Structure formats: C-alpha cells, structure tokens
C-alpha atoms as a PDB file:
ATOM      1  CA  UNK A   1     -41.681 -15.387 -20.151  1.00  0.00           C
ATOM      2  CA  UNK A   2     -42.104 -18.423 -17.495  1.00  0.00           C
ATOM      3  CA  UNK A   3     -44.173 -17.789 -14.697  1.00  0.00           C
ATOM      4  CA  UNK A   4     -44.562 -19.632 -11.311  1.00  0.00           C
ATOM      5  CA  UNK A   5     -46.129 -19.451  -8.032  1.00  0.00           C
ATOM      6  CA  UNK A   6     -44.615 -21.476  -4.984  1.00  0.00           C
ATOM      7  CA  UNK A   7     -47.444 -21.814  -2.570  1.00  0.00           C
ATOM      8  CA  UNK A   8     -46.525 -22.115   1.082  1.00  0.00           C
ATOM      9  CA  UNK A   9     -48.039 -25.820   1.283  1.00  0.00           C
ATOM     10  CA  UNK A  10     -45.049 -26.420  -1.023  1.00  0.00           C
ATOM     11  CA  UNK A  11     -42.061 -24.090   0.193  1.00  0.00           C
ATOM     12  CA  UNK A  12     -43.160 -23.622   3.834  1.00  0.00           C
ATOM     13  CA  UNK A  13     -43.729 -20.158   5.325  1.00  0.00           C
ATOM     14  CA  UNK A  14     -41.959 -18.047   8.391  1.00  0.00           C
ATOM     15  CA  UNK A  15     -43.879 -19.900  11.104  1.00  0.00           C
ATOM     16  CA  UNK A  16     -42.801 -23.494   9.858  1.00  0.00           C
ATOM     17  CA  UNK A  17     -39.377 -21.663   9.874  1.00  0.00           C
ATOM     18  CA  UNK A  18     -39.442 -20.192  13.749  1.00  0.00           C
ATOM     19  CA  UNK A  19     -40.568 -23.693  14.410  1.00  0.00           C
ATOM     20  CA  UNK A  20     -37.643 -25.211  13.039  1.00  0.00           C
ATOM     21  CA  UNK A  21     -35.074 -22.647  14.599  1.00  0.00           C
ATOM     22  CA  UNK A  22     -36.783 -23.039  17.987  1.00  0.00           C
ATOM     23  CA  UNK A  23     -35.077 -26.640  17.803  1.00  0.00           C
ATOM     24  CA  UNK A  24     -31.741 -24.855  17.866  1.00  0.00           C
ATOM     25  CA  UNK A  25     -32.089 -22.024  19.959  1.00  0.00           C
ATOM     26  CA  UNK A  26     -35.305 -22.031  22.100  1.00  0.00           C
ATOM     27  CA  UNK A  27     -34.166 -18.916  24.135  1.00  0.00           C
ATOM     28  CA  UNK A  28     -33.728 -16.731  21.384  1.00  0.00           C
ATOM     29  CA  UNK A  29     -35.467 -17.444  18.058  1.00  0.00           C
ATOM     30  CA  UNK A  30     -34.542 -15.741  15.111  1.00  0.00           C
ATOM     31  CA  UNK A  31     -36.818 -13.119  13.909  1.00  0.00           C
ATOM     32  CA  UNK A  32     -36.698 -13.567  10.108  1.00  0.00           C
ATOM     33  CA  UNK A  33     -36.089 -17.243   9.472  1.00  0.00           C
ATOM     34  CA  UNK A  34     -36.780 -18.888   6.020  1.00  0.00           C
ATOM     35  CA  UNK A  35     -37.983 -22.326   5.953  1.00  0.00           C
ATOM     36  CA  UNK A  36     -35.869 -25.191   4.767  1.00  0.00           C
ATOM     37  CA  UNK A  37     -38.412 -26.476   1.905  1.00  0.00           C
ATOM     38  CA  UNK A  38     -37.829 -22.891   0.429  1.00  0.00           C
ATOM     39  CA  UNK A  39     -34.310 -23.043   0.179  1.00  0.00           C
ATOM     40  CA  UNK A  40     -34.510 -26.720  -0.892  1.00  0.00           C
ATOM     41  CA  UNK A  41     -36.562 -25.687  -3.973  1.00  0.00           C
ATOM     42  CA  UNK A  42     -33.828 -23.216  -4.663  1.00  0.00           C
ATOM     43  CA  UNK A  43     -30.981 -25.259  -4.600  1.00  0.00           C
ATOM     44  CA  UNK A  44     -32.750 -28.094  -6.452  1.00  0.00           C
ATOM     45  CA  UNK A  45     -33.407 -25.755  -9.269  1.00  0.00           C
ATOM     46  CA  UNK A  46     -29.873 -23.585  -9.244  1.00  0.00           C
ATOM     47  CA  UNK A  47     -27.269 -26.432  -8.162  1.00  0.00           C
ATOM     48  CA  UNK A  48     -26.152 -29.955  -8.354  1.00  0.00           C
ATOM     49  CA  UNK A  49     -24.708 -32.533  -5.498  1.00  0.00           C
ATOM     50  CA  UNK A  50     -21.216 -31.197  -4.953  1.00  0.00           C
ATOM     51  CA  UNK A  51     -21.804 -27.488  -5.826  1.00  0.00           C
ATOM     52  CA  UNK A  52     -20.236 -24.637  -3.929  1.00  0.00           C
ATOM     53  CA  UNK A  53     -23.348 -22.546  -2.453  1.00  0.00           C
ATOM     54  CA  UNK A  54     -22.466 -19.164  -0.852  1.00  0.00           C
ATOM     55  CA  UNK A  55     -24.640 -17.268   1.723  1.00  0.00           C
ATOM     56  CA  UNK A  56     -23.065 -14.115   2.457  1.00  0.00           C
ATOM     57  CA  UNK A  57     -25.738 -13.489   5.194  1.00  0.00           C
ATOM     58  CA  UNK A  58     -26.207 -16.481   6.783  1.00  0.00           C
ATOM     59  CA  UNK A  59     -28.436 -15.476   9.429  1.00  0.00           C
ATOM     60  CA  UNK A  60     -30.283 -18.598  11.303  1.00  0.00           C
ATOM     61  CA  UNK A  61     -28.126 -20.735   8.976  1.00  0.00           C
ATOM     62  CA  UNK A  62     -31.117 -22.341   6.995  1.00  0.00           C
ATOM     63  CA  UNK A  63     -28.948 -22.350   3.608  1.00  0.00           C
ATOM     64  CA  UNK A  64     -26.125 -24.077   5.391  1.00  0.00           C
ATOM     65  CA  UNK A  65     -28.584 -26.433   6.848  1.00  0.00           C
ATOM     66  CA  UNK A  66     -30.108 -27.357   3.744  1.00  0.00           C
ATOM     67  CA  UNK A  67     -27.011 -27.504   1.437  1.00  0.00           C
ATOM     68  CA  UNK A  68     -25.431 -29.911   4.003  1.00  0.00           C
ATOM     69  CA  UNK A  69     -28.573 -32.270   3.843  1.00  0.00           C
ATOM     70  CA  UNK A  70     -28.817 -31.909  -0.012  1.00  0.00           C
ATOM     71  CA  UNK A  71     -24.946 -32.824  -0.481  1.00  0.00           C
ATOM     72  CA  UNK A  72     -23.704 -29.282  -1.476  1.00  0.00           C
ATOM     73  CA  UNK A  73     -20.766 -27.609  -0.159  1.00  0.00           C
ATOM     74  CA  UNK A  74     -21.196 -24.146   1.190  1.00  0.00           C
ATOM     75  CA  UNK A  75     -19.807 -21.096   2.500  1.00  0.00           C
ATOM     76  CA  UNK A  76     -21.682 -18.798   5.105  1.00  0.00           C
ATOM     77  CA  UNK A  77     -21.055 -15.671   6.015  1.00  0.00           C
ATOM     78  CA  UNK A  78     -22.480 -13.769   9.323  1.00  0.00           C
ATOM     79  CA  UNK A  79     -21.242 -10.357  11.047  1.00  0.00           C
ATOM     80  CA  UNK A  80     -23.660 -10.894  13.988  1.00  0.00           C
ATOM     81  CA  UNK A  81     -23.653 -13.014  16.755  1.00  0.00           C
ATOM     82  CA  UNK A  82     -26.051 -15.277  14.918  1.00  0.00           C
ATOM     83  CA  UNK A  83     -22.903 -17.058  13.667  1.00  0.00           C
ATOM     84  CA  UNK A  84     -22.161 -18.287  17.461  1.00  0.00           C
ATOM     85  CA  UNK A  85     -25.531 -18.774  18.691  1.00  0.00           C
ATOM     86  CA  UNK A  86     -27.763 -19.827  15.682  1.00  0.00           C
ATOM     87  CA  UNK A  87     -25.632 -21.094  12.909  1.00  0.00           C
ATOM     88  CA  UNK A  88     -23.218 -23.461  14.453  1.00  0.00           C
ATOM     89  CA  UNK A  89     -25.547 -25.082  16.969  1.00  0.00           C
ATOM     90  CA  UNK A  90     -28.081 -25.587  13.895  1.00  0.00           C
ATOM     91  CA  UNK A  91     -25.190 -27.334  11.773  1.00  0.00           C
ATOM     92  CA  UNK A  92     -23.992 -29.427  15.009  1.00  0.00           C
ATOM     93  CA  UNK A  93     -27.500 -30.647  14.901  1.00  0.00           C
ATOM     94  CA  UNK A  94     -27.568 -31.326  11.453  1.00  0.00           C
ATOM     95  CA  UNK A  95     -24.358 -33.159  11.592  1.00  0.00           C
ATOM     96  CA  UNK A  96     -25.961 -35.360  14.397  1.00  0.00           C
ATOM     97  CA  UNK A  97     -28.741 -36.485  12.245  1.00  0.00           C
ATOM     98  CA  UNK A  98     -31.904 -33.875  13.314  1.00  0.00           C
ATOM     99  CA  UNK A  99     -34.969 -34.667  11.631  1.00  0.00           C
ATOM    100  CA  UNK A 100     -36.571 -31.285  11.460  1.00  0.00           C
ATOM    101  CA  UNK A 101     -37.168 -29.171   8.087  1.00  0.00           C
ATOM    102  CA  UNK A 102     -36.471 -31.424   5.012  1.00  0.00           C
ATOM    103  CA  UNK A 103     -34.551 -34.297   6.705  1.00  0.00           C
ATOM    104  CA  UNK A 104     -37.119 -36.862   6.098  1.00  0.00           C
ATOM    105  CA  UNK A 105     -37.713 -35.846   2.993  1.00  0.00           C
ATOM    106  CA  UNK A 106     -34.161 -35.993   1.737  1.00  0.00           C
ATOM    107  CA  UNK A 107     -33.289 -39.069   3.739  1.00  0.00           C
ATOM    108  CA  UNK A 108     -30.925 -37.289   5.795  1.00  0.00           C
ATOM    109  CA  UNK A 109     -29.423 -39.438   8.519  1.00  0.00           C
ATOM    110  CA  UNK A 110     -26.440 -37.340   9.689  1.00  0.00           C
ATOM    111  CA  UNK A 111     -23.017 -37.382   9.113  1.00  0.00           C
ATOM    112  CA  UNK A 112     -20.283 -34.543   7.716  1.00  0.00           C
ATOM    113  CA  UNK A 113     -18.819 -31.682   9.045  1.00  0.00           C
ATOM    114  CA  UNK A 114     -17.985 -27.799   8.905  1.00  0.00           C
ATOM    115  CA  UNK A 115     -15.322 -25.402   9.926  1.00  0.00           C
ATOM    116  CA  UNK A 116     -16.110 -22.207  11.811  1.00  0.00           C
ATOM    117  CA  UNK A 117     -13.570 -19.437  11.143  1.00  0.00           C
ATOM    118  CA  UNK A 118     -13.480 -15.906  12.710  1.00  0.00           C
ATOM    119  CA  UNK A 119     -11.965 -13.092  10.174  1.00  0.00           C
ATOM    120  CA  UNK A 120      -9.332 -11.061  11.837  1.00  0.00           C
ATOM    121  CA  UNK A 121      -9.031  -7.147  11.085  1.00  0.00           C
ATOM    122  CA  UNK A 122      -8.292  -6.107   7.626  1.00  0.00           C
ATOM    123  CA  UNK A 123      -4.659  -6.031   6.799  1.00  0.00           C
ATOM    124  CA  UNK A 124      -4.988  -2.959   4.743  1.00  0.00           C
ATOM    125  CA  UNK A 125      -6.472   0.535   5.167  1.00  0.00           C
ATOM    126  CA  UNK A 126      -8.252   2.258   2.587  1.00  0.00           C
ATOM    127  CA  UNK A 127      -4.984   3.918   1.251  1.00  0.00           C
ATOM    128  CA  UNK A 128      -3.464   0.343   0.682  1.00  0.00           C
ATOM    129  CA  UNK A 129      -1.222   0.669   3.805  1.00  0.00           C
ATOM    130  CA  UNK A 130      -0.833  -2.061   6.295  1.00  0.00           C
ATOM    131  CA  UNK A 131      -3.379  -1.186   8.919  1.00  0.00           C
ATOM    132  CA  UNK A 132      -1.222   0.183  12.317  1.00  0.00           C
ATOM    133  CA  UNK A 133      -3.451  -2.163  14.385  1.00  0.00           C
ATOM    134  CA  UNK A 134      -2.334  -5.285  12.869  1.00  0.00           C
ATOM    135  CA  UNK A 135       0.236  -7.091  15.081  1.00  0.00           C
ATOM    136  CA  UNK A 136       3.242  -9.538  13.719  1.00  0.00           C
ATOM    137  CA  UNK A 137       1.266 -12.774  14.205  1.00  0.00           C
ATOM    138  CA  UNK A 138      -1.629 -11.472  12.128  1.00  0.00           C
ATOM    139  CA  UNK A 139       0.748 -10.500   9.313  1.00  0.00           C
ATOM    140  CA  UNK A 140       2.706 -13.830   9.388  1.00  0.00           C
ATOM    141  CA  UNK A 141      -0.376 -15.370   8.856  1.00  0.00           C
ATOM    142  CA  UNK A 142      -1.690 -13.404   5.888  1.00  0.00           C
ATOM    143  CA  UNK A 143       1.794 -13.612   4.398  1.00  0.00           C
ATOM    144  CA  UNK A 144       2.449 -17.286   4.984  1.00  0.00           C
ATOM    145  CA  UNK A 145      -1.371 -17.948   3.273  1.00  0.00           C
ATOM    146  CA  UNK A 146      -0.449 -16.096   0.525  1.00  0.00           C
ATOM    147  CA  UNK A 147       2.441 -17.728  -0.325  1.00  0.00           C
ATOM    148  CA  UNK A 148       1.853 -20.967   0.619  1.00  0.00           C
ATOM    149  CA  UNK A 149      -1.972 -21.453   0.632  1.00  0.00           C
ATOM    150  CA  UNK A 150      -1.864 -23.193   3.543  1.00  0.00           C
ATOM    151  CA  UNK A 151      -2.733 -22.471   7.206  1.00  0.00           C
ATOM    152  CA  UNK A 152      -0.033 -21.001   9.495  1.00  0.00           C
ATOM    153  CA  UNK A 153      -0.371 -23.111  12.791  1.00  0.00           C
ATOM    154  CA  UNK A 154       0.813 -22.094  16.124  1.00  0.00           C
ATOM    155  CA  UNK A 155       1.736 -18.517  17.155  1.00  0.00           C
ATOM    156  CA  UNK A 156       4.838 -17.363  15.616  1.00  0.00           C
ATOM    157  CA  UNK A 157       7.491 -15.202  17.820  1.00  0.00           C
ATOM    158  CA  UNK A 158      10.354 -15.170  15.560  1.00  0.00           C
ATOM    159  CA  UNK A 159      10.916 -13.763  12.207  1.00  0.00           C
ATOM    160  CA  UNK A 160      11.173 -17.293  10.576  1.00  0.00           C
ATOM    161  CA  UNK A 161       7.481 -18.322   9.383  1.00  0.00           C
ATOM    162  CA  UNK A 162       8.347 -21.885   8.415  1.00  0.00           C
ATOM    163  CA  UNK A 163       9.349 -24.030   5.657  1.00  0.00           C
ATOM    164  CA  UNK A 164       7.198 -24.917   2.653  1.00  0.00           C
ATOM    165  CA  UNK A 165       8.325 -26.839  -0.398  1.00  0.00           C
ATOM    166  CA  UNK A 166      11.991 -26.679   0.546  1.00  0.00           C
ATOM    167  CA  UNK A 167      11.564 -22.455   0.904  1.00  0.00           C
ATOM    168  CA  UNK A 168      11.759 -20.650   3.892  1.00  0.00           C
ATOM    169  CA  UNK A 169       9.510 -17.725   4.677  1.00  0.00           C
ATOM    170  CA  UNK A 170      11.012 -14.786   7.200  1.00  0.00           C
ATOM    171  CA  UNK A 171       8.952 -12.023   8.062  1.00  0.00           C
ATOM    172  CA  UNK A 172      10.517  -8.547   9.768  1.00  0.00           C
ATOM    173  CA  UNK A 173       8.012  -6.668  11.281  1.00  0.00           C
ATOM    174  CA  UNK A 174       6.832  -4.698  14.303  1.00  0.00           C
ATOM    175  CA  UNK A 175      10.585  -5.115  15.617  1.00  0.00           C
ATOM    176  CA  UNK A 176      10.166  -8.798  15.536  1.00  0.00           C
ATOM    177  CA  UNK A 177      14.066  -8.848  16.438  1.00  0.00           C
ATOM    178  CA  UNK A 178      13.810  -6.873  19.105  1.00  0.00           C
ATOM    179  CA  UNK A 179      15.124  -3.551  17.578  1.00  0.00           C
ATOM    180  CA  UNK A 180      13.076  -1.165  15.226  1.00  0.00           C
ATOM    181  CA  UNK A 181      16.278   0.670  14.309  1.00  0.00           C
ATOM    182  CA  UNK A 182      17.087   0.518  10.137  1.00  0.00           C
ATOM    183  CA  UNK A 183      20.128  -1.284  11.019  1.00  0.00           C
ATOM    184  CA  UNK A 184      18.404  -3.906  13.250  1.00  0.00           C
ATOM    185  CA  UNK A 185      14.764  -4.597  12.797  1.00  0.00           C
ATOM    186  CA  UNK A 186      12.401  -4.050  10.226  1.00  0.00           C
ATOM    187  CA  UNK A 187      15.273  -3.267   7.242  1.00  0.00           C
ATOM    188  CA  UNK A 188      17.365  -6.384   5.894  1.00  0.00           C
ATOM    189  CA  UNK A 189      20.828  -5.614   6.410  1.00  0.00           C
ATOM    190  CA  UNK A 190      23.667  -8.140   6.009  1.00  0.00           C
ATOM    191  CA  UNK A 191      23.971  -8.092   9.932  1.00  0.00           C
ATOM    192  CA  UNK A 192      20.092  -8.857  10.173  1.00  0.00           C
ATOM    193  CA  UNK A 193      20.598 -11.370   7.435  1.00  0.00           C
ATOM    194  CA  UNK A 194      23.338 -13.237   9.690  1.00  0.00           C
ATOM    195  CA  UNK A 195      20.895 -12.835  12.946  1.00  0.00           C
ATOM    196  CA  UNK A 196      17.962 -14.855  10.865  1.00  0.00           C
ATOM    197  CA  UNK A 197      17.365 -18.665  11.536  1.00  0.00           C
ATOM    198  CA  UNK A 198      19.383 -20.591   9.032  1.00  0.00           C
ATOM    199  CA  UNK A 199      18.222 -22.261   6.094  1.00  0.00           C
ATOM    200  CA  UNK A 200      20.057 -24.357   3.591  1.00  0.00           C
ATOM    201  CA  UNK A 201      17.972 -23.276   0.456  1.00  0.00           C
ATOM    202  CA  UNK A 202      15.787 -20.541  -1.036  1.00  0.00           C
ATOM    203  CA  UNK A 203      14.649 -18.039   0.967  1.00  0.00           C
ATOM    204  CA  UNK A 204      11.752 -15.309   0.924  1.00  0.00           C
ATOM    205  CA  UNK A 205      12.153 -12.505   3.305  1.00  0.00           C
ATOM    206  CA  UNK A 206       9.461  -9.693   4.065  1.00  0.00           C
ATOM    207  CA  UNK A 207      10.604  -6.302   5.327  1.00  0.00           C
ATOM    208  CA  UNK A 208      10.468  -2.622   5.180  1.00  0.00           C
ATOM    209  CA  UNK A 209      13.207  -1.854   3.061  1.00  0.00           C
ATOM    210  CA  UNK A 210      16.519  -3.943   1.866  1.00  0.00           C
ATOM    211  CA  UNK A 211      20.010  -2.615   2.022  1.00  0.00           C
ATOM    212  CA  UNK A 212      21.675  -5.757   0.526  1.00  0.00           C
ATOM    213  CA  UNK A 213      22.339  -5.208  -3.310  1.00  0.00           C
ATOM    214  CA  UNK A 214      20.632  -7.476  -6.027  1.00  0.00           C
ATOM    215  CA  UNK A 215      23.779  -9.470  -7.105  1.00  0.00           C
ATOM    216  CA  UNK A 216      24.377 -10.337  -3.315  1.00  0.00           C
ATOM    217  CA  UNK A 217      20.977 -11.275  -2.545  1.00  0.00           C
ATOM    218  CA  UNK A 218      20.948 -13.727  -5.731  1.00  0.00           C
ATOM    219  CA  UNK A 219      24.453 -15.340  -4.409  1.00  0.00           C
ATOM    220  CA  UNK A 220      22.665 -15.834  -1.039  1.00  0.00           C
ATOM    221  CA  UNK A 221      19.316 -17.475  -2.740  1.00  0.00           C
ATOM    222  CA  UNK A 222      17.321 -14.628  -1.156  1.00  0.00           C
ATOM    223  CA  UNK A 223      14.004 -13.056  -2.615  1.00  0.00           C
ATOM    224  CA  UNK A 224      13.139 -10.163  -0.671  1.00  0.00           C
ATOM    225  CA  UNK A 225       9.698  -8.541  -0.776  1.00  0.00           C
ATOM    226  CA  UNK A 226       8.705  -5.217   0.298  1.00  0.00           C
ATOM    227  CA  UNK A 227       6.105  -4.504   2.957  1.00  0.00           C
ATOM    228  CA  UNK A 228       3.554  -3.214   2.039  1.00  0.00           C
ATOM    229  CA  UNK A 229       3.995  -3.414  -1.756  1.00  0.00           C
ATOM    230  CA  UNK A 230       4.704  -6.863  -2.073  1.00  0.00           C
ATOM    231  CA  UNK A 231       2.226  -7.873   0.453  1.00  0.00           C
ATOM    232  CA  UNK A 232      -0.866  -9.532  -1.879  1.00  0.00           C
ATOM    233  CA  UNK A 233      -4.459  -8.789  -0.880  1.00  0.00           C
ATOM    234  CA  UNK A 234      -6.218 -12.226  -1.431  1.00  0.00           C
END
C-alpha cells in the first residue's frame, strides 16, 4: 500500500488558513478553514484542468477559490450564512486577482466569474406530493426547467409559462385563472382551454386533471400532464 505524509511546511496549517480568510472577512473569521495549499495538493492529485469539483460543505470557500485559480470548474453548496459572508466575497476577491494563498505559486492574476444561486423550498413532501407551501411561480420555474432545461426568467402571473422550440408550456395551479373550482381553475376543460393564451403549435399543459378526451387533445395538439404525478423531480 502506498504511504505518504503531508507536512505543514508543504500544505499549510489552520493558522495559515485563518490568515487567508482574514483578507476576505476580518470581522468574522471562519473557525476551521483549510489552507489553500492543502486543497491545491488534493486537486492536483485528483483532477485535471477543466474538471468539475464539488464541495457540498463549502465553509469558507477555500475549495472553490483554489479550483478557480487552478482552472477547474466547481460547484459549492453551503447551508449556513457563510455562503454570503465568506464564500461570495472570497470568490469576488479571487476574480479581482488577490495574491494570497496559492496565487503566486500558480501565477494567478484574476479573471473568470461565478454564479450565486439560492435554493428554494423543496417541491415535494415526504410522500411525493407537492409541498403545500409552494407557490405558482416556484412550481412554474421547476416545470419550465424540467421541460426545457433552461431558466424561467421573470415572475409569471398567468398560465402561459413561455414558448420553447415551437412548444408552448402552460401551468394550471393555485387558481392561476382566478377560479379554483373544477370547471374553471386547475382542471383542464373545454372552457379553460379556450381561455388560455393562444399558440399556433403544440402545447404542453400541466393541471390537476383533464376532462377533455385523448382524441380531442391529440386533434388540438395538446399534451396534458397531471400534477403532481407528471412533475419530475430533477
């Protein structure tokens, strides 16, 4: 079995890591950071430039910062406030070309960028039903992404989510049409279909139930998908 020992002189220690973090947040230093040299050693062994690095407990953002400087792509996940107080400011400093940590060793001069996202509430509960706290806009964004693999821009207030590659996508949920009764809200009926914004092409409509027969739906170019059963969890 291969054996190795990494001395602090080679990969740093927590005191080094805390000094690195003070550059980004002097008022609230992170308690247990890792030195950039340690993460550099790990990424050098385990990855190649362009590879995707995942840190599901991002902490002070060291992994993302080092991956950025080493030309790796990365995803960092952090449930605590550190995402805002430590990680985002640190990565912004990296982009601006800060010279702490491994910057001089790898010739880092700045550049690149990152995207910061906040996760919304879970769409489904433990039994696979749609979470009752989910609002129309949240489910609309989820449905749109699952169907098109693109982000839904803008807050939708009507049943038509948008058109993508010639297909129009609709969502009947939470009484978006102003009427929660079966004949006028979340259930697809003939009158409801006539009320939907027009589209000259195929349509995908999500709703609680459908009272239009399969033959008629096919004739109208409508693919009906029932919530919650046809709402995919991706």
